[in-house]
């Protein structure tokens, strides 16, 4: 069994670390779209696409009916379109 011999260094400034974490969390919250993005997560800088489903679809244990509008990552929107799950627009 291997043993990690690296020494742990104490954090130098926990107040700065906490402020950075709060700032990052606030930025993530500000970028969150109105609707929940289903399927694969968005890459940095991507905007979600709204698609209208043409068929019943289960994604992540959630059931979506024909005509439902969902927000997905652009690559997933292309995948759903190629598979025939989205309406023609």
N, C-alpha and C. Protein backbone atom coordinates (compact mmCIF):
# COMPACT_ATOMS: atom_id res chain seq x y z
N UNK A 1 0.85 -1.16 0.00
CA UNK A 1 0.00 0.00 0.00
C UNK A 1 0.90 1.23 0.00
N UNK A 2 0.63 2.17 -0.87
CA UNK A 2 1.43 3.38 -0.96
C UNK A 2 1.01 4.37 0.11
N UNK A 3 1.99 5.14 0.56
CA UNK A 3 1.73 6.14 1.59
C UNK A 3 2.08 7.51 1.03
N UNK A 4 1.21 8.46 1.24
CA UNK A 4 1.47 9.81 0.78
C UNK A 4 2.37 10.50 1.80
N UNK A 5 3.57 10.90 1.37
CA UNK A 5 4.52 11.52 2.29
C UNK A 5 4.53 13.04 2.18
N UNK A 6 3.66 13.60 1.34
CA UNK A 6 3.63 15.05 1.18
C UNK A 6 3.11 15.70 2.45
N UNK A 7 3.72 16.83 2.81
CA UNK A 7 3.29 17.55 4.00
C UNK A 7 2.13 18.46 3.65
N UNK A 8 1.17 18.52 4.55
CA UNK A 8 0.05 19.42 4.36
C UNK A 8 0.46 20.80 4.85
N UNK A 9 0.15 21.80 4.04
CA UNK A 9 0.46 23.17 4.45
C UNK A 9 -0.82 23.84 4.91
N UNK A 10 -0.79 24.56 6.01
CA UNK A 10 -2.00 25.23 6.47
C UNK A 10 -2.38 26.36 5.53
N UNK A 11 -3.68 26.63 5.45
CA UNK A 11 -4.13 27.74 4.61
C UNK A 11 -3.63 29.05 5.19
N UNK A 12 -3.16 29.92 4.33
CA UNK A 12 -2.56 31.16 4.81
C UNK A 12 -3.60 32.21 5.13
N UNK A 13 -4.63 32.30 4.30
CA UNK A 13 -5.62 33.35 4.52
C UNK A 13 -7.01 32.79 4.24
N UNK A 14 -7.68 32.31 5.26
CA UNK A 14 -8.99 31.70 5.07
C UNK A 14 -10.05 32.73 4.73
N UNK A 15 -9.89 33.97 5.17
CA UNK A 15 -10.88 35.01 4.85
C UNK A 15 -10.88 35.30 3.35
N UNK A 16 -9.71 35.37 2.72
CA UNK A 16 -9.63 35.61 1.29
C UNK A 16 -10.20 34.43 0.52
N UNK A 17 -9.93 33.22 0.99
CA UNK A 17 -10.46 32.02 0.34
C UNK A 17 -11.98 32.01 0.41
N UNK A 18 -12.54 32.36 1.54
CA UNK A 18 -13.99 32.41 1.71
C UNK A 18 -14.61 33.46 0.81
N UNK A 19 -13.98 34.63 0.71
CA UNK A 19 -14.51 35.68 -0.16
C UNK A 19 -14.47 35.26 -1.62
N UNK A 20 -13.38 34.59 -2.03
CA UNK A 20 -13.28 34.10 -3.40
C UNK A 20 -14.37 33.08 -3.69
N UNK A 21 -14.64 32.20 -2.75
CA UNK A 21 -15.67 31.19 -2.92
C UNK A 21 -17.05 31.83 -3.05
N UNK A 22 -17.33 32.81 -2.21
CA UNK A 22 -18.62 33.49 -2.25
C UNK A 22 -18.78 34.23 -3.58
N UNK A 23 -17.70 34.89 -4.05
CA UNK A 23 -17.75 35.61 -5.32
C UNK A 23 -18.00 34.65 -6.48
N UNK A 24 -17.33 33.50 -6.47
CA UNK A 24 -17.52 32.51 -7.54
C UNK A 24 -18.94 31.96 -7.52
N UNK A 25 -19.48 31.70 -6.32
CA UNK A 25 -20.83 31.18 -6.20
C UNK A 25 -21.85 32.20 -6.69
N UNK A 26 -21.62 33.48 -6.38
CA UNK A 26 -22.52 34.54 -6.83
C UNK A 26 -22.50 34.66 -8.34
N UNK A 27 -21.32 34.53 -8.94
CA UNK A 27 -21.21 34.61 -10.39
C UNK A 27 -21.94 33.44 -11.05
N UNK A 28 -21.80 32.24 -10.49
CA UNK A 28 -22.51 31.07 -11.03
C UNK A 28 -24.00 31.25 -10.94
N UNK A 29 -24.47 31.81 -9.83
CA UNK A 29 -25.90 32.02 -9.64
C UNK A 29 -26.42 33.04 -10.62
N UNK A 30 -25.64 34.07 -10.91
CA UNK A 30 -26.07 35.10 -11.85
C UNK A 30 -26.18 34.56 -13.27
N UNK A 31 -25.38 33.55 -13.61
CA UNK A 31 -25.42 32.98 -14.95
C UNK A 31 -26.51 31.94 -15.12
N UNK A 32 -27.13 31.49 -14.07
CA UNK A 32 -28.14 30.44 -14.13
C UNK A 32 -29.35 30.91 -14.95
N UNK A 33 -29.74 30.16 -15.98
CA UNK A 33 -30.90 30.57 -16.78
C UNK A 33 -32.19 30.43 -15.99
N UNK A 34 -33.27 31.03 -16.56
CA UNK A 34 -34.57 30.98 -15.89
C UNK A 34 -35.07 29.55 -15.73
N UNK A 35 -34.96 28.75 -16.79
CA UNK A 35 -35.38 27.36 -16.73
C UNK A 35 -34.17 26.48 -16.43
N UNK A 36 -34.44 25.32 -15.91
CA UNK A 36 -33.37 24.36 -15.62
C UNK A 36 -32.89 23.72 -16.92
N UNK A 37 -31.58 23.60 -17.07
CA UNK A 37 -31.00 22.94 -18.23
C UNK A 37 -30.99 21.45 -17.95
N UNK A 38 -31.59 20.66 -18.85
CA UNK A 38 -31.64 19.21 -18.67
C UNK A 38 -30.63 18.56 -19.60
N UNK A 39 -30.24 17.35 -19.27
CA UNK A 39 -29.26 16.64 -20.07
C UNK A 39 -27.85 17.04 -19.68
N UNK A 40 -26.91 16.91 -20.60
CA UNK A 40 -25.52 17.25 -20.31
C UNK A 40 -25.37 18.72 -19.91
N UNK A 41 -24.43 19.03 -19.02
CA UNK A 41 -24.26 20.42 -18.59
C UNK A 41 -23.69 21.30 -19.69
N UNK A 42 -23.91 22.60 -19.54
CA UNK A 42 -23.36 23.56 -20.50
C UNK A 42 -21.86 23.70 -20.30
N UNK A 43 -21.14 23.91 -21.39
CA UNK A 43 -19.73 24.23 -21.30
C UNK A 43 -19.62 25.72 -20.94
N UNK A 44 -18.45 26.12 -20.47
CA UNK A 44 -18.26 27.52 -20.12
C UNK A 44 -18.52 28.41 -21.32
N UNK A 45 -19.29 29.44 -21.12
CA UNK A 45 -19.58 30.41 -22.17
C UNK A 45 -20.72 30.02 -23.10
N UNK A 46 -21.30 28.86 -22.94
CA UNK A 46 -22.40 28.44 -23.80
C UNK A 46 -23.72 28.95 -23.26
N UNK A 47 -24.62 29.24 -24.15
CA UNK A 47 -25.98 29.63 -23.80
C UNK A 47 -26.89 28.45 -24.09
N UNK A 48 -27.86 28.18 -23.22
CA UNK A 48 -28.77 27.05 -23.46
C UNK A 48 -29.70 27.33 -24.64
N UNK A 49 -30.12 26.27 -25.30
CA UNK A 49 -31.07 26.38 -26.40
C UNK A 49 -32.40 25.79 -25.95
N UNK A 50 -33.47 26.45 -26.33
CA UNK A 50 -34.80 25.94 -26.03
C UNK A 50 -35.29 25.11 -27.20
N UNK A 51 -35.70 23.88 -26.92
CA UNK A 51 -36.23 23.00 -27.96
C UNK A 51 -37.62 22.55 -27.55
N UNK A 52 -38.47 22.31 -28.55
CA UNK A 52 -39.81 21.80 -28.33
C UNK A 52 -39.81 20.33 -28.72
N UNK A 53 -40.24 19.49 -27.82
CA UNK A 53 -40.20 18.05 -28.06
C UNK A 53 -41.36 17.59 -28.93
N UNK A 54 -41.06 16.66 -29.84
CA UNK A 54 -42.08 16.08 -30.71
C UNK A 54 -42.55 14.73 -30.19
N UNK A 55 -41.78 14.14 -29.29
CA UNK A 55 -42.10 12.82 -28.75
C UNK A 55 -41.86 12.81 -27.25
N UNK A 56 -42.45 11.82 -26.57
CA UNK A 56 -42.22 11.63 -25.14
C UNK A 56 -40.74 11.31 -24.92
N UNK A 57 -40.14 11.89 -23.88
CA UNK A 57 -38.72 11.69 -23.62
C UNK A 57 -38.47 11.68 -22.12
N UNK A 58 -37.67 10.72 -21.65
CA UNK A 58 -37.24 10.67 -20.25
C UNK A 58 -35.78 11.08 -20.20
N UNK A 59 -35.49 12.13 -19.44
CA UNK A 59 -34.12 12.60 -19.25
C UNK A 59 -33.88 12.72 -17.76
N UNK A 60 -32.84 12.05 -17.27
CA UNK A 60 -32.46 12.12 -15.86
C UNK A 60 -33.66 11.85 -14.94
N UNK A 61 -34.39 10.81 -15.20
CA UNK A 61 -35.56 10.41 -14.39
C UNK A 61 -36.67 11.44 -14.39
N UNK A 62 -36.70 12.32 -15.37
CA UNK A 62 -37.80 13.28 -15.51
C UNK A 62 -38.49 12.98 -16.83
N UNK A 63 -39.80 13.04 -16.81
CA UNK A 63 -40.59 12.72 -17.99
C UNK A 63 -41.06 14.00 -18.66
N UNK A 64 -40.83 14.10 -19.97
CA UNK A 64 -41.27 15.26 -20.75
C UNK A 64 -42.20 14.77 -21.85
N UNK A 65 -43.31 15.47 -22.02
CA UNK A 65 -44.33 15.09 -22.97
C UNK A 65 -44.15 15.85 -24.29
N UNK A 66 -44.76 15.38 -25.38
CA UNK A 66 -44.70 16.11 -26.65
C UNK A 66 -45.25 17.53 -26.47
N UNK A 67 -44.55 18.49 -27.03
CA UNK A 67 -44.96 19.89 -26.91
C UNK A 67 -44.27 20.62 -25.78
N UNK A 68 -43.64 19.91 -24.85
CA UNK A 68 -42.91 20.56 -23.76
C UNK A 68 -41.68 21.26 -24.32
N UNK A 69 -41.39 22.42 -23.77
CA UNK A 69 -40.17 23.14 -24.13
C UNK A 69 -39.16 22.95 -23.02
N UNK A 70 -37.95 22.53 -23.39
CA UNK A 70 -36.88 22.34 -22.43
C UNK A 70 -35.64 23.09 -22.90
N UNK A 71 -34.77 23.42 -21.96
CA UNK A 71 -33.51 24.05 -22.30
C UNK A 71 -32.40 23.03 -22.18
N UNK A 72 -31.58 22.95 -23.23
CA UNK A 72 -30.50 21.98 -23.29
C UNK A 72 -29.24 22.64 -23.84
N UNK A 73 -28.12 21.95 -23.69
CA UNK A 73 -26.87 22.41 -24.27
C UNK A 73 -26.97 22.32 -25.80
N UNK A 74 -26.26 23.19 -26.54
CA UNK A 74 -26.35 23.17 -28.01
C UNK A 74 -26.02 21.81 -28.63
N UNK A 75 -25.01 21.12 -28.14
CA UNK A 75 -24.65 19.81 -28.70
C UNK A 75 -25.78 18.80 -28.46
N UNK A 76 -26.41 18.87 -27.30
CA UNK A 76 -27.51 17.96 -26.99
C UNK A 76 -28.74 18.30 -27.84
N UNK A 77 -28.94 19.59 -28.13
CA UNK A 77 -30.05 20.00 -29.00
C UNK A 77 -29.86 19.40 -30.40
N UNK A 78 -28.63 19.42 -30.90
CA UNK A 78 -28.35 18.81 -32.21
C UNK A 78 -28.61 17.31 -32.17
N UNK A 79 -28.19 16.67 -31.08
CA UNK A 79 -28.40 15.23 -30.93
C UNK A 79 -29.90 14.90 -30.93
N UNK A 80 -30.68 15.65 -30.15
CA UNK A 80 -32.12 15.40 -30.10
C UNK A 80 -32.76 15.65 -31.46
N UNK A 81 -32.31 16.67 -32.18
CA UNK A 81 -32.86 16.96 -33.50
C UNK A 81 -32.53 15.82 -34.48
N UNK A 82 -31.28 15.35 -34.45
CA UNK A 82 -30.88 14.28 -35.35
C UNK A 82 -31.62 12.98 -35.07
N UNK A 83 -32.00 12.76 -33.82
CA UNK A 83 -32.72 11.55 -33.44
C UNK A 83 -34.23 11.68 -33.66
N UNK A 84 -34.70 12.87 -34.02
CA UNK A 84 -36.12 13.07 -34.31
C UNK A 84 -36.97 13.40 -33.10
N UNK A 85 -36.37 13.82 -32.00
CA UNK A 85 -37.13 14.12 -30.80
C UNK A 85 -37.65 15.55 -30.75
N UNK A 86 -37.18 16.43 -31.62
CA UNK A 86 -37.62 17.82 -31.59
C UNK A 86 -38.51 18.13 -32.78
N UNK A 87 -39.33 19.17 -32.61
CA UNK A 87 -40.21 19.58 -33.70
C UNK A 87 -39.41 20.38 -34.72
N UNK A 88 -39.94 20.47 -35.90
CA UNK A 88 -39.31 21.31 -36.92
C UNK A 88 -39.63 22.77 -36.62
N UNK A 89 -38.60 23.60 -36.68
CA UNK A 89 -38.83 25.03 -36.44
C UNK A 89 -38.22 25.85 -37.53
